[in-house]
């Protein structure tokens, strides 16, 4: 199964939507992929300003968070000024705990919890806080403490990606932003605490979710997701018994059969409902209550439900195997 979220449209009857990029006007700086930053935001970020001004931004309230579409990392969470948020592998999310103190915190300034609010398209319930050793409150996303990086001197940089093999840009759901081919793209040569001793390029995203679990969706309620956080769907044209898949040929370009789950890593689903189905090509597909499960290539990030209702035949699935609609 492919390990990334592609872009696409389901059902084949939706036209492409193309956005025309404009040239940056006066007083604007060009960001990644045609995004433009107002001059006042650039000044707040410290771009072209003093080191003191940059330090103030890196210690400031995050404000309303934003999501940056990076060419190599996908969707990256940033503060309101466009500075990338990072997470540290040596921290813990359950329970939330930061172990980056002292010199580490000088290189990786903790993001204050006060004044932070969710970005558009982000689940506000993922935001939280943890009390640090010095008594201050640090912002958390899905339990993971958030940091900025001192070597990000301009908005929409990710120089901390992969530093020491333990620092990674954060995705909007708190997981690690996923680099192409699983390799970090940061330019820094620091070790995990920013001492400059290391040379590692970093490793890619590691699966941290159970192989099959549930997630609460604001519109659909509790639905199934796979180990990469992808929403799982049912096709109403399939047959439950005897089990048969009617998604073949071009259908499989957009709807990928879910691989069988590791029963030792399933949460929130009755194992008695799970089974596998051998497809015509010999591969195995996961089923719940004899209904075959798929993920949608049009879901661009974990938690997306862009496949819901496509063609009137594709729907997210509840933990008991029924359709979420």
Protein backbone atom coordinates (compact mmCIF):
# COMPACT_ATOMS: atom_id res chain seq x y z
CA UNK A 1 0.00 0.00 0.00
CA UNK A 2 1.29 3.42 -0.83
CA UNK A 3 2.50 5.38 2.20
CA UNK A 4 1.42 8.89 1.24
CA UNK A 5 -1.72 10.92 0.72
CA UNK A 6 -2.20 11.81 -2.88
CA UNK A 7 -4.36 14.47 -4.43
CA UNK A 8 -7.39 13.39 -6.40
CA UNK A 9 -11.10 13.61 -7.00
CA UNK A 10 -13.49 10.72 -6.51
CA UNK A 11 -16.24 9.59 -8.75
CA UNK A 12 -14.66 10.90 -11.94
CA UNK A 13 -17.34 13.55 -12.40
CA UNK A 14 -15.69 16.48 -10.64
CA UNK A 15 -13.77 18.96 -12.75
CA UNK A 16 -10.32 20.18 -11.83
CA UNK A 17 -10.13 23.43 -9.94
CA UNK A 18 -7.13 25.53 -10.79
CA UNK A 19 -6.03 28.57 -8.88
CA UNK A 20 -4.21 31.28 -10.74
CA UNK A 21 -1.21 32.57 -8.84
CA UNK A 22 -0.61 36.26 -8.77
CA UNK A 23 2.67 38.06 -8.64
CA UNK A 24 3.62 39.47 -5.27
CA UNK A 25 2.66 43.10 -4.96
CA UNK A 26 4.66 45.87 -3.42
CA UNK A 27 5.44 45.28 0.22
CA UNK A 28 5.12 41.51 -0.06
CA UNK A 29 7.70 38.73 0.20
CA UNK A 30 7.33 35.49 -1.69
CA UNK A 31 6.85 32.34 0.38
CA UNK A 32 6.82 28.68 -0.65
CA UNK A 33 4.60 27.57 -3.52
CA UNK A 34 3.41 31.03 -4.44
CA UNK A 35 2.33 32.06 -0.94
CA UNK A 36 2.92 35.71 -0.07
CA UNK A 37 3.61 37.32 3.27
CA UNK A 38 2.48 40.87 4.01
CA UNK A 39 5.34 43.19 4.88
CA UNK A 40 4.07 43.73 8.42
CA UNK A 41 4.13 39.94 8.97
CA UNK A 42 7.64 39.80 7.56
CA UNK A 43 8.72 42.48 10.02
CA UNK A 44 7.10 40.62 12.91
CA UNK A 45 8.90 37.46 11.85
CA UNK A 46 12.29 39.09 12.07
CA UNK A 47 12.99 38.62 8.37
CA UNK A 48 15.52 41.26 7.46
CA UNK A 49 15.37 42.54 11.05
CA UNK A 50 17.49 42.28 14.17
CA UNK A 51 18.37 39.15 16.10
CA UNK A 52 16.54 40.60 19.10
CA UNK A 53 13.37 41.00 17.04
CA UNK A 54 13.59 37.40 15.85
CA UNK A 55 14.14 36.15 19.41
CA UNK A 56 11.02 38.00 20.52
CA UNK A 57 8.96 36.28 17.85
CA UNK A 58 10.33 32.85 18.78
CA UNK A 59 9.27 33.39 22.39
CA UNK A 60 5.94 35.04 21.57
CA UNK A 61 2.38 33.77 21.72
CA UNK A 62 1.62 31.61 18.67
CA UNK A 63 -1.64 33.40 17.89
CA UNK A 64 -3.96 31.76 15.38
CA UNK A 65 -2.07 28.80 13.96
CA UNK A 66 -1.59 28.34 10.23
CA UNK A 67 -0.94 25.42 7.89
CA UNK A 68 1.90 25.62 5.39
CA UNK A 69 1.84 23.40 2.28
CA UNK A 70 5.50 22.50 1.87
CA UNK A 71 6.63 20.88 -1.39
CA UNK A 72 8.60 18.14 0.40
CA UNK A 73 6.94 17.81 3.79
CA UNK A 74 3.30 18.24 2.91
CA UNK A 75 1.14 20.08 5.46
CA UNK A 76 3.20 21.72 8.21
CA UNK A 77 1.84 23.51 11.27
CA UNK A 78 3.11 27.04 11.93
CA UNK A 79 2.38 29.98 14.19
CA UNK A 80 0.49 33.04 12.98
CA UNK A 81 3.74 34.54 11.64
CA UNK A 82 4.53 31.44 9.59
CA UNK A 83 7.27 29.93 11.80
CA UNK A 84 7.37 26.13 11.70
CA UNK A 85 6.40 24.07 14.76
CA UNK A 86 8.55 21.07 15.68
CA UNK A 87 8.20 18.03 17.91
CA UNK A 88 10.94 16.13 19.75
CA UNK A 89 11.09 12.33 19.71
CA UNK A 90 12.44 12.23 23.26
CA UNK A 91 9.32 13.96 24.59
CA UNK A 92 6.15 12.00 25.30
CA UNK A 93 2.54 12.68 24.32
CA UNK A 94 0.82 10.26 26.70
CA UNK A 95 1.19 11.83 29.18
CA UNK A 96 2.48 15.10 27.66
CA UNK A 97 6.02 15.81 28.86
CA UNK A 98 8.89 17.98 27.61
CA UNK A 99 12.49 16.95 28.28
CA UNK A 100 14.01 19.83 26.31
CA UNK A 101 15.35 22.23 28.96
CA UNK A 102 18.43 24.41 29.44
CA UNK A 103 20.57 24.80 26.34
CA UNK A 104 18.12 22.62 24.39
CA UNK A 105 15.33 25.14 25.03
CA UNK A 106 17.56 27.97 23.83
CA UNK A 107 17.97 26.26 20.46
CA UNK A 108 14.40 24.97 20.39
CA UNK A 109 12.25 27.65 22.10
CA UNK A 110 9.08 26.12 23.54
CA UNK A 111 5.88 27.56 22.06
CA UNK A 112 3.86 29.27 24.82
CA UNK A 113 0.36 27.90 25.30
CA UNK A 114 -1.26 31.25 26.00
CA UNK A 115 -2.94 32.95 23.06
CA UNK A 116 -2.87 29.97 20.71
CA UNK A 117 -5.90 28.96 18.66
CA UNK A 118 -6.49 26.27 16.03
CA UNK A 119 -5.80 26.82 12.36
CA UNK A 120 -8.59 26.62 9.80
CA UNK A 121 -9.25 22.97 9.04
CA UNK A 122 -7.60 21.80 12.26
CA UNK A 123 -9.39 20.03 15.11
CA UNK A 124 -9.34 22.48 18.08
CA UNK A 125 -9.56 19.52 20.46
CA UNK A 126 -5.98 18.62 19.53
CA UNK A 127 -4.64 21.75 21.24
CA UNK A 128 -3.55 21.54 24.86
CA UNK A 129 -0.76 22.50 27.20
CA UNK A 130 1.87 20.98 29.44
CA UNK A 131 3.54 22.54 32.47
CA UNK A 132 7.31 22.72 31.99
CA UNK A 133 9.94 22.29 34.70
CA UNK A 134 10.13 26.09 35.11
CA UNK A 135 6.37 26.33 35.65
CA UNK A 136 5.52 27.87 32.27
CA UNK A 137 2.81 26.44 30.01
CA UNK A 138 3.85 25.01 26.65
CA UNK A 139 1.51 24.42 23.72
CA UNK A 140 0.81 20.79 22.81
CA UNK A 141 -0.77 19.28 19.70
CA UNK A 142 -2.23 15.80 20.20
CA UNK A 143 -0.20 15.73 23.41
CA UNK A 144 3.13 16.56 21.77
CA UNK A 145 4.94 19.70 23.07
CA UNK A 146 5.58 22.21 20.30
CA UNK A 147 8.81 24.15 19.64
CA UNK A 148 10.25 26.66 17.20
CA UNK A 149 13.86 26.51 15.93
CA UNK A 150 16.39 29.34 16.23
CA UNK A 151 17.85 28.64 12.79
CA UNK A 152 14.50 29.29 11.13
CA UNK A 153 15.15 32.97 10.52
CA UNK A 154 12.31 33.51 8.05
CA UNK A 155 8.70 32.31 7.94
CA UNK A 156 8.07 28.99 6.20
CA UNK A 157 11.51 27.53 6.72
CA UNK A 158 12.05 24.00 8.05
CA UNK A 159 15.77 23.98 8.82
CA UNK A 160 15.13 21.89 11.92
CA UNK A 161 13.63 18.96 10.01
CA UNK A 162 15.49 15.75 10.88
CA UNK A 163 18.08 17.39 13.17
CA UNK A 164 19.77 14.67 15.22
CA UNK A 165 17.21 12.19 13.90
CA UNK A 166 14.88 13.36 16.69
CA UNK A 167 13.42 16.72 15.62
CA UNK A 168 10.65 16.90 13.04
CA UNK A 169 8.24 19.49 11.71
CA UNK A 170 4.75 18.90 13.05
CA UNK A 171 1.72 18.15 10.91
CA UNK A 172 -1.65 19.69 11.86
CA UNK A 173 -2.69 16.51 13.69
CA UNK A 174 0.50 16.39 15.77
CA UNK A 175 2.20 13.63 13.79
CA UNK A 176 5.51 14.18 12.04
CA UNK A 177 5.37 15.96 8.72
CA UNK A 178 6.32 13.37 6.14
CA UNK A 179 9.31 14.01 3.89
CA UNK A 180 9.75 12.45 0.46
CA UNK A 181 11.42 9.04 0.65
CA UNK A 182 11.40 9.28 4.44
CA UNK A 183 14.40 11.62 4.58
CA UNK A 184 14.58 14.88 6.47
CA UNK A 185 15.18 18.01 4.42
CA UNK A 186 16.66 20.27 7.07
CA UNK A 187 19.97 21.95 6.35
CA UNK A 188 21.19 22.10 9.92
CA UNK A 189 23.97 19.82 11.14
CA UNK A 190 23.07 20.04 14.83
CA UNK A 191 22.67 17.13 17.17
CA UNK A 192 19.40 16.62 19.02
CA UNK A 193 20.06 19.55 21.35
CA UNK A 194 21.46 21.93 18.77
CA UNK A 195 25.12 21.73 19.83
CA UNK A 196 26.40 21.39 16.26
CA UNK A 197 27.96 18.00 16.89
CA UNK A 198 25.87 15.91 14.52
CA UNK A 199 25.55 15.49 10.77
CA UNK A 200 22.47 13.29 10.43
CA UNK A 201 19.83 14.01 7.85
CA UNK A 202 17.09 12.47 9.96
CA UNK A 203 14.60 9.70 9.42
CA UNK A 204 11.09 9.88 8.08
CA UNK A 205 7.72 9.62 9.72
CA UNK A 206 7.16 6.67 11.99
CA UNK A 207 3.75 5.13 12.44
CA UNK A 208 2.57 5.85 15.98
CA UNK A 209 -1.12 5.01 15.69
CA UNK A 210 -2.53 1.53 16.19
CA UNK A 211 -2.86 -0.45 12.97
CA UNK A 212 -6.62 0.08 13.22
CA UNK A 213 -8.44 2.46 15.55
CA UNK A 214 -11.25 4.99 15.78
CA UNK A 215 -11.28 8.78 15.73
CA UNK A 216 -14.02 11.23 16.63
CA UNK A 217 -15.10 13.27 13.61
CA UNK A 218 -17.09 16.44 14.24
CA UNK A 219 -19.63 15.66 11.50
CA UNK A 220 -19.65 11.88 11.31
CA UNK A 221 -19.03 10.79 14.88
CA UNK A 222 -16.66 7.92 15.62
CA UNK A 223 -15.14 6.45 12.44
CA UNK A 224 -12.40 4.00 11.49
CA UNK A 225 -8.85 4.97 10.55
CA UNK A 226 -5.76 2.95 9.64
CA UNK A 227 -2.27 3.06 11.10
CA UNK A 228 -1.39 6.14 9.05
CA UNK A 229 -4.43 8.04 10.28
CA UNK A 230 -6.28 7.65 6.99
CA UNK A 231 -10.07 7.44 7.04
CA UNK A 232 -11.39 4.05 5.95
CA UNK A 233 -14.41 3.74 3.64
CA UNK A 234 -16.95 1.22 2.40
CA UNK A 235 -18.26 0.90 -1.17
CA UNK A 236 -21.99 0.27 -1.30
CA UNK A 237 -21.64 -1.65 -4.57
CA UNK A 238 -19.53 -4.30 -2.84
CA UNK A 239 -21.18 -7.46 -1.50
CA UNK A 240 -20.79 -8.51 2.14
CA UNK A 241 -21.67 -12.17 1.72
CA UNK A 242 -20.32 -13.90 -0.09
CA UNK A 243 -17.63 -11.22 0.10
CA UNK A 244 -16.97 -9.55 -3.23
CA UNK A 245 -15.21 -6.34 -4.30
CA UNK A 246 -16.73 -4.40 -7.16
CA UNK A 247 -13.98 -1.79 -7.04
CA UNK A 248 -11.69 -2.94 -9.82
CA UNK A 249 -9.74 -1.42 -12.69
CA UNK A 250 -9.79 2.40 -12.72
CA UNK A 251 -11.66 2.42 -9.40
CA UNK A 252 -8.50 1.20 -7.68
CA UNK A 253 -6.60 4.27 -8.89
CA UNK A 254 -8.52 6.33 -6.34
CA UNK A 255 -9.68 3.78 -3.77
CA UNK A 256 -6.93 1.63 -2.28
CA UNK A 257 -7.77 -1.63 -0.49
CA UNK A 258 -6.91 -1.43 3.21
CA UNK A 259 -4.30 -3.94 4.27
CA UNK A 260 -5.10 -6.40 7.08
CA UNK A 261 -4.60 -4.99 10.58
CA UNK A 262 -2.24 -6.36 13.20
CA UNK A 263 -4.72 -7.72 15.76
CA UNK A 264 -2.24 -6.91 18.53
CA UNK A 265 -2.51 -3.25 17.54
CA UNK A 266 -6.24 -2.64 17.22
CA UNK A 267 -8.08 -0.20 19.47
CA UNK A 268 -11.80 0.47 19.81
CA UNK A 269 -13.01 -2.28 17.45
CA UNK A 270 -14.35 -5.75 18.29
CA UNK A 271 -11.80 -8.17 16.85
CA UNK A 272 -14.59 -10.63 16.07
CA UNK A 273 -15.83 -8.24 13.39
CA UNK A 274 -12.52 -8.23 11.50
CA UNK A 275 -11.61 -10.54 8.65
CA UNK A 276 -9.55 -10.55 5.46
CA UNK A 277 -10.46 -11.06 1.83
CA UNK A 278 -8.25 -12.35 -0.95
CA UNK A 279 -8.55 -10.09 -3.99
CA UNK A 280 -8.28 -11.39 -7.57
CA UNK A 281 -4.61 -10.33 -7.69
CA UNK A 282 -3.84 -12.41 -4.61
CA UNK A 283 -3.45 -9.51 -2.18
CA UNK A 284 -5.27 -9.44 1.14
CA UNK A 285 -7.82 -6.75 2.06
CA UNK A 286 -9.20 -5.84 5.47
CA UNK A 287 -12.93 -6.23 6.10
CA UNK A 288 -15.23 -5.37 9.00
CA UNK A 289 -18.45 -7.34 9.43
CA UNK A 290 -17.62 -8.78 5.99
CA UNK A 291 -17.57 -5.33 4.36
CA UNK A 292 -14.35 -4.50 2.53
CA UNK A 293 -12.44 -1.39 3.59
CA UNK A 294 -10.57 1.15 1.44
CA UNK A 295 -8.70 4.43 1.82
CA UNK A 296 -9.09 7.35 -0.56
CA UNK A 297 -6.22 8.97 -2.47
CA UNK A 298 -8.10 12.27 -2.35
CA UNK A 299 -7.56 12.48 1.40
CA UNK A 300 -4.45 14.64 1.60
CA UNK A 301 -3.73 14.46 5.32
CA UNK A 302 -4.66 12.14 8.22
CA UNK A 303 -8.22 12.76 9.35
CA UNK A 304 -9.49 14.03 6.00
CA UNK A 305 -12.89 12.70 4.89
CA UNK A 306 -12.94 13.95 1.31
CA UNK A 307 -14.23 10.57 0.17
CA UNK A 308 -17.44 10.82 2.19
CA UNK A 309 -20.45 10.52 -0.08
CA UNK A 310 -18.47 10.43 -3.33
CA UNK A 311 -20.76 9.21 -6.10
CA UNK A 312 -23.38 8.44 -3.45
CA UNK A 313 -21.62 5.10 -2.93
CA UNK A 314 -18.58 5.73 -0.71
CA UNK A 315 -18.90 6.33 3.03
CA UNK A 316 -16.78 6.38 6.16
CA UNK A 317 -17.34 3.47 8.52
CA UNK A 318 -18.37 3.23 12.16
CA UNK A 319 -16.64 0.83 14.58
CA UNK A 320 -19.45 -1.72 14.12
CA UNK A 321 -19.04 -1.72 10.33
CA UNK A 322 -22.12 0.36 9.53
CA UNK A 323 -21.99 3.42 7.29
CA UNK A 324 -21.31 6.80 8.89
CA UNK A 325 -23.90 9.06 7.28
